[in-house]
Amino acid sequence: MTEEAPGFAGIFYDEANKPITEKLDETGALLKLKFITHSYPHDWRTKKPVIYRATEQWFVSVENMRQELLDAIARVDWQPKWGEVRLHNMIRDRGDWCISRQRVWGVPIPVFYEEDGSPIITDETIAHVADLFREHGSNIWFDWETKDLMPSGYSSEKSPNGNYTRETDIMDVWFDSGSSHQGVLEERDDQHRPADLYFEGSDQYRGWFNSSS
């Protein structure tokens, strides 16, 4: 356990169950204690139990663009027709979309942070990062200093010392696939939008098709 679990830091996770339960009981927060035997997910490589850990993530609210997505789906001529029903139902019932991933490669989430931890998400900073990526490639997010990724002369009252940090999470890896049409259809003079054909297997609905729509 880490310092994020005050009072239990340094205890091996499997040995922390008892003292945590005792603390819950002590504070009156324990509703019931019962031991059961059940199947549990294990890592297929190490064969060890998977540890679930709640962490902060970035989400996109599908609610604000749901109807626009459904309208776009309806404009497509689907073959076979059941494909439209399947994607329509997925978008119709989908909650917030978690777009952040903890990986060492991929497309960075272009967010900076103030000295007090406040996120910096502005049209100016995002457009500046996009221009840098277009010229130098997205790897500069990992290679350059944070100050060199921000617009020249950027300042904020929340960072009186002029210090900023950057987001280390990357976009959902399906973002790469889902945005490929942008590079193919809009960045090439001999192509046009919309595409005449979008060909993909039915196993790609939640990732590729979902992010493309």
N, C-alpha and C. Protein backbone atom coordinates (compact mmCIF):
# COMPACT_ATOMS: atom_id res chain seq x y z
N MET A 1 0.85 -1.19 0.00
CA MET A 1 0.00 0.00 0.00
C MET A 1 0.89 1.24 0.00
N THR A 2 0.44 2.29 -0.67
CA THR A 2 1.22 3.52 -0.78
C THR A 2 0.75 4.57 0.23
N GLU A 3 1.38 5.74 0.16
CA GLU A 3 1.02 6.84 1.06
C GLU A 3 -0.40 7.34 0.78
N GLU A 4 -0.96 6.94 -0.37
CA GLU A 4 -2.34 7.33 -0.69
C GLU A 4 -3.35 6.61 0.20
N ALA A 5 -2.88 5.63 0.98
CA ALA A 5 -3.73 4.93 1.94
C ALA A 5 -3.19 5.19 3.33
N PRO A 6 -3.42 6.38 3.89
CA PRO A 6 -2.88 6.74 5.20
C PRO A 6 -3.19 5.70 6.27
N GLY A 7 -2.17 5.33 7.02
CA GLY A 7 -2.35 4.35 8.07
C GLY A 7 -2.07 2.93 7.63
N PHE A 8 -1.99 2.72 6.32
CA PHE A 8 -1.74 1.37 5.79
C PHE A 8 -0.54 1.33 4.85
N ALA A 9 0.14 2.46 4.70
CA ALA A 9 1.29 2.53 3.80
C ALA A 9 2.35 1.52 4.20
N GLY A 10 2.88 0.82 3.20
CA GLY A 10 3.94 -0.15 3.46
C GLY A 10 3.45 -1.56 3.70
N ILE A 11 2.13 -1.73 3.88
CA ILE A 11 1.59 -3.07 4.11
C ILE A 11 1.33 -3.75 2.76
N PHE A 12 1.74 -4.99 2.62
CA PHE A 12 1.49 -5.75 1.40
C PHE A 12 -0.02 -5.86 1.21
N TYR A 13 -0.48 -5.66 -0.02
CA TYR A 13 -1.92 -5.53 -0.26
C TYR A 13 -2.73 -6.71 0.28
N ASP A 14 -2.18 -7.92 0.17
CA ASP A 14 -2.93 -9.10 0.58
C ASP A 14 -3.01 -9.21 2.10
N GLU A 15 -2.10 -8.50 2.78
CA GLU A 15 -2.10 -8.53 4.24
C GLU A 15 -2.84 -7.32 4.81
N ALA A 16 -3.29 -6.42 3.91
CA ALA A 16 -3.95 -5.20 4.37
C ALA A 16 -5.45 -5.41 4.60
N ASN A 17 -5.99 -6.51 4.11
CA ASN A 17 -7.44 -6.73 4.24
C ASN A 17 -7.92 -6.70 5.69
N LYS A 18 -7.19 -7.41 6.56
CA LYS A 18 -7.64 -7.49 7.95
C LYS A 18 -7.59 -6.14 8.66
N PRO A 19 -6.44 -5.40 8.64
CA PRO A 19 -6.42 -4.10 9.33
C PRO A 19 -7.40 -3.09 8.74
N ILE A 20 -7.63 -3.17 7.42
CA ILE A 20 -8.60 -2.25 6.82
C ILE A 20 -10.01 -2.58 7.30
N THR A 21 -10.31 -3.88 7.39
CA THR A 21 -11.62 -4.29 7.89
C THR A 21 -11.80 -3.87 9.35
N GLU A 22 -10.75 -4.01 10.13
CA GLU A 22 -10.82 -3.62 11.54
C GLU A 22 -11.04 -2.12 11.66
N LYS A 23 -10.41 -1.34 10.78
CA LYS A 23 -10.59 0.12 10.81
C LYS A 23 -12.02 0.50 10.42
N LEU A 24 -12.56 -0.19 9.44
CA LEU A 24 -13.94 0.06 9.04
C LEU A 24 -14.89 -0.23 10.19
N ASP A 25 -14.63 -1.32 10.90
CA ASP A 25 -15.47 -1.69 12.04
C ASP A 25 -15.34 -0.66 13.16
N GLU A 26 -14.11 -0.20 13.37
CA GLU A 26 -13.84 0.78 14.44
C GLU A 26 -14.57 2.09 14.20
N THR A 27 -14.66 2.51 12.94
CA THR A 27 -15.30 3.79 12.61
C THR A 27 -16.80 3.65 12.35
N GLY A 28 -17.32 2.42 12.45
CA GLY A 28 -18.74 2.22 12.24
C GLY A 28 -19.14 2.18 10.77
N ALA A 29 -18.15 2.00 9.89
CA ALA A 29 -18.41 1.99 8.45
C ALA A 29 -18.55 0.58 7.87
N LEU A 30 -18.36 -0.43 8.70
CA LEU A 30 -18.46 -1.81 8.23
C LEU A 30 -19.90 -2.29 8.36
N LEU A 31 -20.53 -2.57 7.23
CA LEU A 31 -21.91 -3.01 7.24
C LEU A 31 -22.02 -4.50 7.56
N LYS A 32 -21.11 -5.30 6.95
CA LYS A 32 -21.17 -6.74 7.16
C LYS A 32 -19.86 -7.36 6.71
N LEU A 33 -19.43 -8.43 7.35
CA LEU A 33 -18.21 -9.15 6.97
C LEU A 33 -18.57 -10.61 6.76
N LYS A 34 -18.28 -11.10 5.55
CA LYS A 34 -18.58 -12.49 5.22
C LYS A 34 -17.52 -13.01 4.26
N PHE A 35 -17.08 -14.21 4.46
CA PHE A 35 -16.06 -14.80 3.60
C PHE A 35 -16.72 -15.73 2.57
N ILE A 36 -16.33 -15.55 1.31
CA ILE A 36 -16.88 -16.40 0.25
C ILE A 36 -15.74 -16.90 -0.64
N THR A 37 -16.00 -17.98 -1.33
CA THR A 37 -15.04 -18.52 -2.30
C THR A 37 -15.59 -18.24 -3.70
N HIS A 38 -14.80 -17.62 -4.53
CA HIS A 38 -15.28 -17.26 -5.87
C HIS A 38 -14.11 -17.23 -6.85
N SER A 39 -14.43 -17.28 -8.14
CA SER A 39 -13.39 -17.18 -9.16
C SER A 39 -12.88 -15.76 -9.21
N TYR A 40 -11.61 -15.60 -9.54
CA TYR A 40 -10.99 -14.27 -9.51
C TYR A 40 -10.05 -14.13 -10.71
N PRO A 41 -10.05 -12.96 -11.36
CA PRO A 41 -9.20 -12.78 -12.54
C PRO A 41 -7.71 -12.82 -12.20
N HIS A 42 -6.95 -13.50 -13.04
CA HIS A 42 -5.50 -13.60 -12.88
C HIS A 42 -4.81 -13.16 -14.17
N ASP A 43 -3.63 -12.58 -14.02
CA ASP A 43 -2.83 -12.19 -15.17
C ASP A 43 -2.34 -13.44 -15.89
N TRP A 44 -2.57 -13.50 -17.21
CA TRP A 44 -2.24 -14.73 -17.94
C TRP A 44 -0.73 -14.95 -18.07
N ARG A 45 0.06 -13.88 -17.87
CA ARG A 45 1.51 -14.05 -17.97
C ARG A 45 2.11 -14.55 -16.65
N THR A 46 1.83 -13.83 -15.57
CA THR A 46 2.45 -14.16 -14.28
C THR A 46 1.61 -15.12 -13.46
N LYS A 47 0.33 -15.29 -13.83
CA LYS A 47 -0.60 -16.16 -13.10
C LYS A 47 -0.94 -15.61 -11.73
N LYS A 48 -0.65 -14.33 -11.50
CA LYS A 48 -0.93 -13.73 -10.20
C LYS A 48 -2.26 -12.98 -10.25
N PRO A 49 -2.92 -12.80 -9.10
CA PRO A 49 -4.21 -12.09 -9.08
C PRO A 49 -4.09 -10.66 -9.60
N VAL A 50 -5.12 -10.21 -10.30
CA VAL A 50 -5.16 -8.84 -10.80
C VAL A 50 -5.63 -7.93 -9.67
N ILE A 51 -4.89 -6.85 -9.44
CA ILE A 51 -5.25 -5.90 -8.38
C ILE A 51 -6.00 -4.73 -9.00
N TYR A 52 -7.21 -4.50 -8.56
CA TYR A 52 -7.99 -3.37 -9.05
C TYR A 52 -7.65 -2.12 -8.24
N ARG A 53 -7.39 -1.04 -8.95
CA ARG A 53 -7.02 0.20 -8.27
C ARG A 53 -7.72 1.37 -8.94
N ALA A 54 -8.52 2.10 -8.19
CA ALA A 54 -9.23 3.25 -8.73
C ALA A 54 -8.27 4.43 -8.87
N THR A 55 -8.17 4.98 -10.07
CA THR A 55 -7.30 6.12 -10.32
C THR A 55 -8.04 7.19 -11.11
N GLU A 56 -7.52 8.40 -11.12
CA GLU A 56 -8.13 9.49 -11.87
C GLU A 56 -7.95 9.25 -13.37
N GLN A 57 -9.00 9.48 -14.14
CA GLN A 57 -8.98 9.28 -15.58
C GLN A 57 -9.66 10.46 -16.28
N TRP A 58 -9.48 10.53 -17.59
CA TRP A 58 -10.15 11.54 -18.41
C TRP A 58 -11.33 10.89 -19.12
N PHE A 59 -12.46 11.61 -19.12
CA PHE A 59 -13.67 11.10 -19.76
C PHE A 59 -14.23 12.12 -20.75
N VAL A 60 -14.89 11.60 -21.77
CA VAL A 60 -15.65 12.43 -22.71
C VAL A 60 -17.13 12.16 -22.46
N SER A 61 -17.91 13.21 -22.34
CA SER A 61 -19.34 13.05 -22.14
C SER A 61 -20.01 12.77 -23.47
N VAL A 62 -20.49 11.55 -23.65
CA VAL A 62 -21.19 11.18 -24.87
C VAL A 62 -22.55 11.85 -24.93
N GLU A 63 -23.11 12.15 -23.79
CA GLU A 63 -24.44 12.75 -23.72
C GLU A 63 -24.54 14.03 -24.56
N ASN A 64 -23.48 14.82 -24.54
CA ASN A 64 -23.51 16.11 -25.25
C ASN A 64 -23.44 15.98 -26.76
N MET A 65 -23.09 14.80 -27.28
CA MET A 65 -22.99 14.64 -28.73
C MET A 65 -23.69 13.38 -29.22
N ARG A 66 -24.48 12.76 -28.34
CA ARG A 66 -25.11 11.49 -28.68
C ARG A 66 -25.99 11.59 -29.92
N GLN A 67 -26.87 12.59 -29.97
CA GLN A 67 -27.79 12.71 -31.11
C GLN A 67 -27.04 12.96 -32.41
N GLU A 68 -26.00 13.75 -32.35
CA GLU A 68 -25.19 14.03 -33.54
C GLU A 68 -24.56 12.73 -34.07
N LEU A 69 -24.09 11.89 -33.16
CA LEU A 69 -23.51 10.61 -33.56
C LEU A 69 -24.57 9.69 -34.16
N LEU A 70 -25.73 9.65 -33.55
CA LEU A 70 -26.81 8.79 -34.05
C LEU A 70 -27.27 9.25 -35.44
N ASP A 71 -27.30 10.56 -35.64
CA ASP A 71 -27.69 11.09 -36.95
C ASP A 71 -26.67 10.70 -38.01
N ALA A 72 -25.38 10.74 -37.65
CA ALA A 72 -24.33 10.37 -38.59
C ALA A 72 -24.42 8.89 -38.95
N ILE A 73 -24.73 8.06 -37.97
CA ILE A 73 -24.88 6.62 -38.22
C ILE A 73 -26.02 6.36 -39.20
N ALA A 74 -27.10 7.13 -39.06
CA ALA A 74 -28.28 6.94 -39.90
C ALA A 74 -28.02 7.34 -41.36
N ARG A 75 -27.03 8.20 -41.59
CA ARG A 75 -26.74 8.65 -42.96
C ARG A 75 -25.92 7.64 -43.77
N VAL A 76 -25.41 6.63 -43.09
CA VAL A 76 -24.56 5.63 -43.74
C VAL A 76 -25.41 4.49 -44.30
N ASP A 77 -25.05 3.99 -45.48
CA ASP A 77 -25.70 2.83 -46.06
C ASP A 77 -24.97 1.59 -45.57
N TRP A 78 -25.54 0.90 -44.61
CA TRP A 78 -24.87 -0.22 -43.94
C TRP A 78 -25.09 -1.53 -44.67
N GLN A 79 -24.00 -2.28 -44.82
CA GLN A 79 -24.07 -3.62 -45.40
C GLN A 79 -23.25 -4.58 -44.52
N PRO A 80 -23.87 -5.53 -43.85
CA PRO A 80 -25.31 -5.80 -43.79
C PRO A 80 -26.05 -4.79 -42.91
N LYS A 81 -27.36 -4.75 -43.05
CA LYS A 81 -28.16 -3.72 -42.40
C LYS A 81 -28.13 -3.82 -40.88
N TRP A 82 -27.96 -5.06 -40.36
CA TRP A 82 -27.95 -5.20 -38.91
C TRP A 82 -26.78 -4.47 -38.26
N GLY A 83 -25.76 -4.13 -39.07
CA GLY A 83 -24.63 -3.39 -38.52
C GLY A 83 -25.04 -2.03 -37.99
N GLU A 84 -25.99 -1.39 -38.67
CA GLU A 84 -26.46 -0.08 -38.22
C GLU A 84 -27.17 -0.18 -36.88
N VAL A 85 -28.00 -1.20 -36.74
CA VAL A 85 -28.74 -1.38 -35.49
C VAL A 85 -27.78 -1.60 -34.32
N ARG A 86 -26.76 -2.38 -34.57
CA ARG A 86 -25.81 -2.70 -33.51
C ARG A 86 -25.07 -1.46 -33.02
N LEU A 87 -24.54 -0.66 -33.95
CA LEU A 87 -23.80 0.53 -33.54
C LEU A 87 -24.74 1.58 -32.97
N HIS A 88 -25.92 1.71 -33.55
CA HIS A 88 -26.92 2.66 -33.02
C HIS A 88 -27.21 2.37 -31.56
N ASN A 89 -27.43 1.09 -31.24
CA ASN A 89 -27.76 0.73 -29.86
C ASN A 89 -26.59 0.96 -28.92
N MET A 90 -25.37 0.74 -29.41
CA MET A 90 -24.19 0.97 -28.57
C MET A 90 -24.05 2.45 -28.21
N ILE A 91 -24.21 3.31 -29.21
CA ILE A 91 -24.10 4.75 -28.97
C ILE A 91 -25.26 5.25 -28.12
N ARG A 92 -26.44 4.73 -28.39
CA ARG A 92 -27.64 5.15 -27.65
C ARG A 92 -27.50 4.86 -26.16
N ASP A 93 -26.89 3.73 -25.82
CA ASP A 93 -26.82 3.31 -24.42
C ASP A 93 -25.48 3.61 -23.76
N ARG A 94 -24.57 4.19 -24.49
CA ARG A 94 -23.22 4.38 -23.94
C ARG A 94 -23.17 5.51 -22.94
N GLY A 95 -22.44 5.28 -21.85
CA GLY A 95 -22.22 6.33 -20.86
C GLY A 95 -20.99 7.14 -21.21
N ASP A 96 -20.40 7.77 -20.22
CA ASP A 96 -19.19 8.55 -20.47
C ASP A 96 -18.08 7.65 -20.99
N TRP A 97 -17.29 8.18 -21.90
CA TRP A 97 -16.23 7.42 -22.56
C TRP A 97 -14.90 7.73 -21.90
N CYS A 98 -14.28 6.74 -21.28
CA CYS A 98 -12.96 6.92 -20.68
C CYS A 98 -11.92 6.94 -21.79
N ILE A 99 -11.26 8.07 -21.99
CA ILE A 99 -10.33 8.22 -23.12
C ILE A 99 -8.87 8.13 -22.71
N SER A 100 -8.58 8.01 -21.42
CA SER A 100 -7.18 7.99 -20.98
C SER A 100 -6.68 6.57 -20.78
N ARG A 101 -5.41 6.37 -21.12
CA ARG A 101 -4.77 5.08 -20.93
C ARG A 101 -3.38 5.29 -20.33
N GLN A 102 -2.93 4.35 -19.51
CA GLN A 102 -1.62 4.44 -18.88
C GLN A 102 -0.65 3.55 -19.65
N ARG A 103 -0.11 4.11 -20.72
CA ARG A 103 0.81 3.39 -21.59
C ARG A 103 2.04 4.26 -21.84
N VAL A 104 3.11 3.65 -22.32
CA VAL A 104 4.34 4.40 -22.58
C VAL A 104 4.45 4.81 -24.04
N TRP A 105 3.42 4.55 -24.83
CA TRP A 105 3.43 4.95 -26.24
C TRP A 105 1.99 5.32 -26.61
N GLY A 106 1.86 6.08 -27.69
CA GLY A 106 0.53 6.46 -28.16
C GLY A 106 0.41 7.96 -28.36
N VAL A 107 -0.82 8.41 -28.59
CA VAL A 107 -1.10 9.84 -28.81
C VAL A 107 -1.34 10.50 -27.46
N PRO A 108 -0.52 11.48 -27.08
CA PRO A 108 -0.67 12.13 -25.77
C PRO A 108 -1.98 12.89 -25.63
N ILE A 109 -2.45 13.03 -24.41
CA ILE A 109 -3.58 13.91 -24.12
C ILE A 109 -2.99 15.30 -23.90
N PRO A 110 -3.29 16.28 -24.76
CA PRO A 110 -2.62 17.59 -24.72
C PRO A 110 -3.11 18.50 -23.60
N VAL A 111 -2.83 18.10 -22.37
CA VAL A 111 -3.25 18.88 -21.21
C VAL A 111 -2.03 19.22 -20.36
N PHE A 112 -1.95 20.49 -19.96
CA PHE A 112 -0.90 20.94 -19.05
C PHE A 112 -1.52 21.21 -17.68
N TYR A 113 -0.66 21.35 -16.66
CA TYR A 113 -1.16 21.60 -15.32
C TYR A 113 -0.44 22.79 -14.68
N GLU A 114 -1.25 23.57 -13.94
CA GLU A 114 -0.70 24.70 -13.19
C GLU A 114 0.05 24.19 -11.97
N GLU A 115 0.70 25.11 -11.28
CA GLU A 115 1.43 24.74 -10.06
C GLU A 115 0.47 24.22 -8.98
N ASP A 116 -0.79 24.68 -9.00
CA ASP A 116 -1.75 24.21 -8.01
C ASP A 116 -2.50 22.97 -8.46
N GLY A 117 -2.11 22.41 -9.61
CA GLY A 117 -2.73 21.19 -10.11
C GLY A 117 -3.90 21.41 -11.05
N SER A 118 -4.30 22.66 -11.27
CA SER A 118 -5.42 22.93 -12.17
C SER A 118 -5.03 22.60 -13.61
N PRO A 119 -5.92 21.93 -14.35
CA PRO A 119 -5.60 21.59 -15.75
C PRO A 119 -5.70 22.80 -16.66
N ILE A 120 -4.85 22.84 -17.66
CA ILE A 120 -4.87 23.89 -18.67
C ILE A 120 -5.38 23.27 -19.97
N ILE A 121 -6.62 23.61 -20.34
CA ILE A 121 -7.23 23.09 -21.56
C ILE A 121 -7.85 24.26 -22.30
N THR A 122 -7.11 24.86 -23.19
CA THR A 122 -7.59 26.01 -23.94
C THR A 122 -7.40 25.77 -25.43
N ASP A 123 -8.15 26.52 -26.24
CA ASP A 123 -7.99 26.42 -27.69
C ASP A 123 -6.57 26.78 -28.09
N GLU A 124 -6.00 27.76 -27.38
CA GLU A 124 -4.64 28.22 -27.70
C GLU A 124 -3.61 27.13 -27.48
N THR A 125 -3.66 26.48 -26.31
CA THR A 125 -2.64 25.47 -26.00
C THR A 125 -2.80 24.22 -26.88
N ILE A 126 -4.04 23.82 -27.11
CA ILE A 126 -4.27 22.63 -27.93
C ILE A 126 -3.86 22.87 -29.37
N ALA A 127 -4.19 24.04 -29.91
CA ALA A 127 -3.81 24.36 -31.29
C ALA A 127 -2.30 24.45 -31.42
N HIS A 128 -1.63 24.98 -30.39
CA HIS A 128 -0.17 25.09 -30.42
C HIS A 128 0.47 23.71 -30.43
N VAL A 129 -0.03 22.81 -29.59
CA VAL A 129 0.51 21.45 -29.55
C VAL A 129 0.27 20.75 -30.88
N ALA A 130 -0.91 20.95 -31.46
CA ALA A 130 -1.24 20.33 -32.75
C ALA A 130 -0.27 20.79 -33.83
N ASP A 131 0.06 22.07 -33.83
CA ASP A 131 1.00 22.61 -34.82
C ASP A 131 2.40 22.01 -34.62
N LEU A 132 2.80 21.87 -33.36
CA LEU A 132 4.10 21.28 -33.07
C LEU A 132 4.15 19.82 -33.52
N PHE A 133 3.07 19.10 -33.26
CA PHE A 133 3.00 17.69 -33.65
C PHE A 133 3.08 17.56 -35.17
N ARG A 134 2.38 18.45 -35.87
CA ARG A 134 2.37 18.40 -37.33
C ARG A 134 3.79 18.59 -37.88
N GLU A 135 4.56 19.44 -37.22
CA GLU A 135 5.90 19.75 -37.71
C GLU A 135 6.95 18.75 -37.22
N HIS A 136 6.83 18.32 -35.95
CA HIS A 136 7.90 17.51 -35.35
C HIS A 136 7.49 16.08 -34.99
N GLY A 137 6.19 15.78 -35.05
CA GLY A 137 5.73 14.46 -34.63
C GLY A 137 5.33 14.46 -33.16
N SER A 138 4.46 13.53 -32.76
CA SER A 138 3.93 13.52 -31.40
C SER A 138 4.92 13.05 -30.34
N ASN A 139 6.05 12.46 -30.75
CA ASN A 139 7.03 12.00 -29.76
C ASN A 139 7.67 13.14 -28.98
N ILE A 140 7.54 14.37 -29.50
CA ILE A 140 8.13 15.49 -28.76
C ILE A 140 7.46 15.68 -27.41
N TRP A 141 6.22 15.20 -27.27
CA TRP A 141 5.53 15.31 -25.98
C TRP A 141 6.30 14.59 -24.88
N PHE A 142 7.02 13.55 -25.27
CA PHE A 142 7.78 12.76 -24.30
C PHE A 142 9.25 13.19 -24.24
N ASP A 143 9.72 13.84 -25.32
CA ASP A 143 11.14 14.18 -25.42
C ASP A 143 11.47 15.61 -25.02
N TRP A 144 10.56 16.55 -25.25
CA TRP A 144 10.84 17.96 -24.98
C TRP A 144 10.50 18.33 -23.55
N GLU A 145 11.07 19.45 -23.11
CA GLU A 145 10.70 20.02 -21.82
C GLU A 145 9.29 20.60 -21.91
N THR A 146 8.56 20.59 -20.81
CA THR A 146 7.18 21.06 -20.81
C THR A 146 7.09 22.51 -21.30
N LYS A 147 8.00 23.35 -20.86
CA LYS A 147 7.95 24.76 -21.25
C LYS A 147 8.09 24.95 -22.76
N ASP A 148 8.77 24.02 -23.41
CA ASP A 148 8.97 24.12 -24.86
C ASP A 148 7.75 23.65 -25.65
N LEU A 149 6.82 23.00 -24.97
CA LEU A 149 5.60 22.54 -25.61
C LEU A 149 4.47 23.54 -25.50
N MET A 150 4.64 24.52 -24.61
CA MET A 150 3.59 25.50 -24.38
C MET A 150 3.77 26.73 -25.26
N PRO A 151 2.70 27.48 -25.52
CA PRO A 151 2.80 28.70 -26.31
C PRO A 151 3.81 29.67 -25.70
N SER A 152 4.58 30.32 -26.52
CA SER A 152 5.58 31.27 -26.05
C SER A 152 4.93 32.40 -25.26
N GLY A 153 5.49 32.67 -24.09
CA GLY A 153 4.99 33.77 -23.27
C GLY A 153 3.77 33.44 -22.45
N TYR A 154 3.35 32.17 -22.43
CA TYR A 154 2.15 31.80 -21.66
C TYR A 154 2.41 32.04 -20.17
N SER A 155 1.44 32.65 -19.51
CA SER A 155 1.57 32.91 -18.08
C SER A 155 0.21 32.77 -17.41
N SER A 156 0.23 32.53 -16.11
CA SER A 156 -1.01 32.35 -15.37
C SER A 156 -0.79 32.69 -13.91
N GLU A 157 -1.82 33.25 -13.27
CA GLU A 157 -1.73 33.58 -11.86
C GLU A 157 -1.62 32.33 -11.00
N LYS A 158 -2.09 31.20 -11.53
CA LYS A 158 -2.04 29.96 -10.78
C LYS A 158 -0.65 29.33 -10.78
N SER A 159 0.23 29.87 -11.62
CA SER A 159 1.62 29.40 -11.65
C SER A 159 2.55 30.60 -11.52
N PRO A 160 2.60 31.17 -10.33
CA PRO A 160 3.40 32.39 -10.12
C PRO A 160 4.89 32.20 -10.40
N ASN A 161 5.38 30.96 -10.30
CA ASN A 161 6.79 30.69 -10.56
C ASN A 161 7.07 30.30 -12.00
N GLY A 162 5.99 30.24 -12.79
CA GLY A 162 6.16 29.89 -14.20
C GLY A 162 6.45 28.42 -14.43
N ASN A 163 6.09 27.57 -13.46
CA ASN A 163 6.34 26.13 -13.60
C ASN A 163 5.07 25.41 -14.03
N TYR A 164 5.20 24.53 -15.00
CA TYR A 164 4.06 23.75 -15.49
C TYR A 164 4.47 22.29 -15.68
N THR A 165 3.50 21.41 -15.58
CA THR A 165 3.73 20.00 -15.86
C THR A 165 2.76 19.58 -16.96
N ARG A 166 2.97 18.37 -17.49
CA ARG A 166 2.11 17.89 -18.56
C ARG A 166 1.45 16.58 -18.18
N GLU A 167 0.36 16.24 -18.86
CA GLU A 167 -0.32 14.98 -18.66
C GLU A 167 0.56 13.84 -19.18
N THR A 168 0.61 12.75 -18.44
CA THR A 168 1.42 11.61 -18.86
C THR A 168 0.60 10.49 -19.46
N ASP A 169 -0.73 10.53 -19.29
CA ASP A 169 -1.59 9.52 -19.90
C ASP A 169 -1.71 9.78 -21.40
N ILE A 170 -2.02 8.73 -22.14
CA ILE A 170 -2.24 8.88 -23.58
C ILE A 170 -3.72 8.67 -23.88
N MET A 171 -4.10 9.00 -25.12
CA MET A 171 -5.47 8.78 -25.56
C MET A 171 -5.75 7.29 -25.69
N ASP A 172 -7.02 6.93 -25.53
CA ASP A 172 -7.48 5.58 -25.85
C ASP A 172 -6.84 5.19 -27.19
N VAL A 173 -6.16 4.04 -27.23
CA VAL A 173 -5.39 3.68 -28.42
C VAL A 173 -6.26 3.56 -29.67
N TRP A 174 -7.57 3.41 -29.48
CA TRP A 174 -8.46 3.36 -30.65
C TRP A 174 -8.57 4.73 -31.31
N PHE A 175 -8.11 5.77 -30.61
CA PHE A 175 -8.13 7.10 -31.20
C PHE A 175 -7.27 7.13 -32.46
N ASP A 176 -6.15 6.42 -32.44
CA ASP A 176 -5.28 6.36 -33.62
C ASP A 176 -6.03 5.81 -34.83
N SER A 177 -6.70 4.69 -34.62
CA SER A 177 -7.44 4.06 -35.71
C SER A 177 -8.66 4.89 -36.11
N GLY A 178 -9.38 5.36 -35.10
CA GLY A 178 -10.61 6.10 -35.38
C GLY A 178 -10.40 7.42 -36.07
N SER A 179 -9.21 7.99 -35.95
CA SER A 179 -8.93 9.28 -36.59
C SER A 179 -8.15 9.13 -37.89
N SER A 180 -7.90 7.88 -38.31
CA SER A 180 -7.09 7.66 -39.51
C SER A 180 -7.75 8.27 -40.76
N HIS A 181 -9.10 8.30 -40.77
CA HIS A 181 -9.79 8.85 -41.93
C HIS A 181 -9.46 10.32 -42.13
N GLN A 182 -9.13 11.01 -41.04
CA GLN A 182 -8.78 12.42 -41.14
C GLN A 182 -7.52 12.60 -41.98
N GLY A 183 -6.51 11.77 -41.70
CA GLY A 183 -5.27 11.87 -42.44
C GLY A 183 -5.40 11.40 -43.88
N VAL A 184 -6.28 10.43 -44.10
CA VAL A 184 -6.44 9.88 -45.45
C VAL A 184 -7.29 10.78 -46.34
N LEU A 185 -8.42 11.25 -45.82
CA LEU A 185 -9.39 11.97 -46.64
C LEU A 185 -9.19 13.48 -46.68
N GLU A 186 -8.69 14.07 -45.59
CA GLU A 186 -8.58 15.53 -45.56
C GLU A 186 -7.17 16.03 -45.83
N GLU A 187 -6.18 15.19 -45.64
CA GLU A 187 -4.81 15.62 -45.81
C GLU A 187 -4.27 15.33 -47.21
N ARG A 188 -5.07 14.66 -48.05
CA ARG A 188 -4.62 14.30 -49.40
C ARG A 188 -5.51 14.98 -50.43
N ASP A 189 -4.89 15.60 -51.41
CA ASP A 189 -5.62 16.37 -52.41
C ASP A 189 -6.49 15.51 -53.32
N ASP A 190 -6.11 14.23 -53.49
CA ASP A 190 -6.85 13.38 -54.42
C ASP A 190 -7.98 12.60 -53.74
N GLN A 191 -8.28 12.92 -52.47
CA GLN A 191 -9.35 12.23 -51.77
C GLN A 191 -10.45 13.21 -51.37
N HIS A 192 -11.60 12.70 -50.96
CA HIS A 192 -12.70 13.57 -50.58
C HIS A 192 -13.50 12.93 -49.44
N ARG A 193 -14.28 13.76 -48.79
CA ARG A 193 -15.18 13.30 -47.73
C ARG A 193 -16.61 13.46 -48.20
N PRO A 194 -17.53 12.59 -47.80
CA PRO A 194 -17.26 11.39 -47.00
C PRO A 194 -16.69 10.27 -47.85
N ALA A 195 -16.14 9.25 -47.21
CA ALA A 195 -15.57 8.12 -47.93
C ALA A 195 -16.68 7.32 -48.60
N ASP A 196 -16.36 6.71 -49.73
CA ASP A 196 -17.34 5.86 -50.41
C ASP A 196 -17.52 4.53 -49.68
N LEU A 197 -16.48 4.07 -49.02
CA LEU A 197 -16.54 2.77 -48.35
C LEU A 197 -15.68 2.78 -47.10
N TYR A 198 -16.24 2.26 -46.02
CA TYR A 198 -15.51 2.08 -44.77
C TYR A 198 -15.65 0.60 -44.44
N PHE A 199 -14.57 -0.14 -44.61
CA PHE A 199 -14.62 -1.60 -44.51
C PHE A 199 -13.95 -2.06 -43.22
N GLU A 200 -14.70 -2.80 -42.40
CA GLU A 200 -14.13 -3.29 -41.15
C GLU A 200 -14.94 -4.46 -40.62
N GLY A 201 -14.30 -5.27 -39.78
CA GLY A 201 -14.96 -6.43 -39.20
C GLY A 201 -15.87 -6.06 -38.05
N SER A 202 -16.78 -6.96 -37.72
CA SER A 202 -17.77 -6.67 -36.69
C SER A 202 -17.17 -6.65 -35.28
N ASP A 203 -15.90 -7.07 -35.15
CA ASP A 203 -15.26 -7.06 -33.84
C ASP A 203 -14.71 -5.68 -33.49
N GLN A 204 -14.86 -4.71 -34.39
CA GLN A 204 -14.26 -3.39 -34.17
C GLN A 204 -15.27 -2.34 -33.73
N TYR A 205 -16.48 -2.74 -33.36
CA TYR A 205 -17.52 -1.76 -33.08
C TYR A 205 -17.20 -0.84 -31.91
N ARG A 206 -16.76 -1.41 -30.81
CA ARG A 206 -16.56 -0.56 -29.63
C ARG A 206 -15.33 0.32 -29.75
N GLY A 207 -14.37 -0.06 -30.53
CA GLY A 207 -13.15 0.74 -30.65
C GLY A 207 -13.14 1.58 -31.89
N TRP A 208 -12.82 0.96 -33.01
CA TRP A 208 -12.62 1.68 -34.27
C TRP A 208 -13.86 2.43 -34.72
N PHE A 209 -14.98 1.71 -34.88
CA PHE A 209 -16.21 2.34 -35.34
C PHE A 209 -16.73 3.39 -34.37
N ASN A 210 -16.63 3.07 -33.09
CA ASN A 210 -17.14 3.99 -32.08
C ASN A 210 -16.39 5.32 -32.09
N SER A 211 -15.07 5.25 -32.18
CA SER A 211 -14.29 6.49 -32.18
C SER A 211 -14.37 7.20 -33.53
N SER A 212 -14.61 6.45 -34.60
CA SER A 212 -14.73 7.06 -35.93
C SER A 212 -16.02 7.86 -36.07
N SER A 213 -17.09 7.35 -35.46
CA SER A 213 -18.38 8.02 -35.59
C SER A 213 -18.39 9.35 -34.86
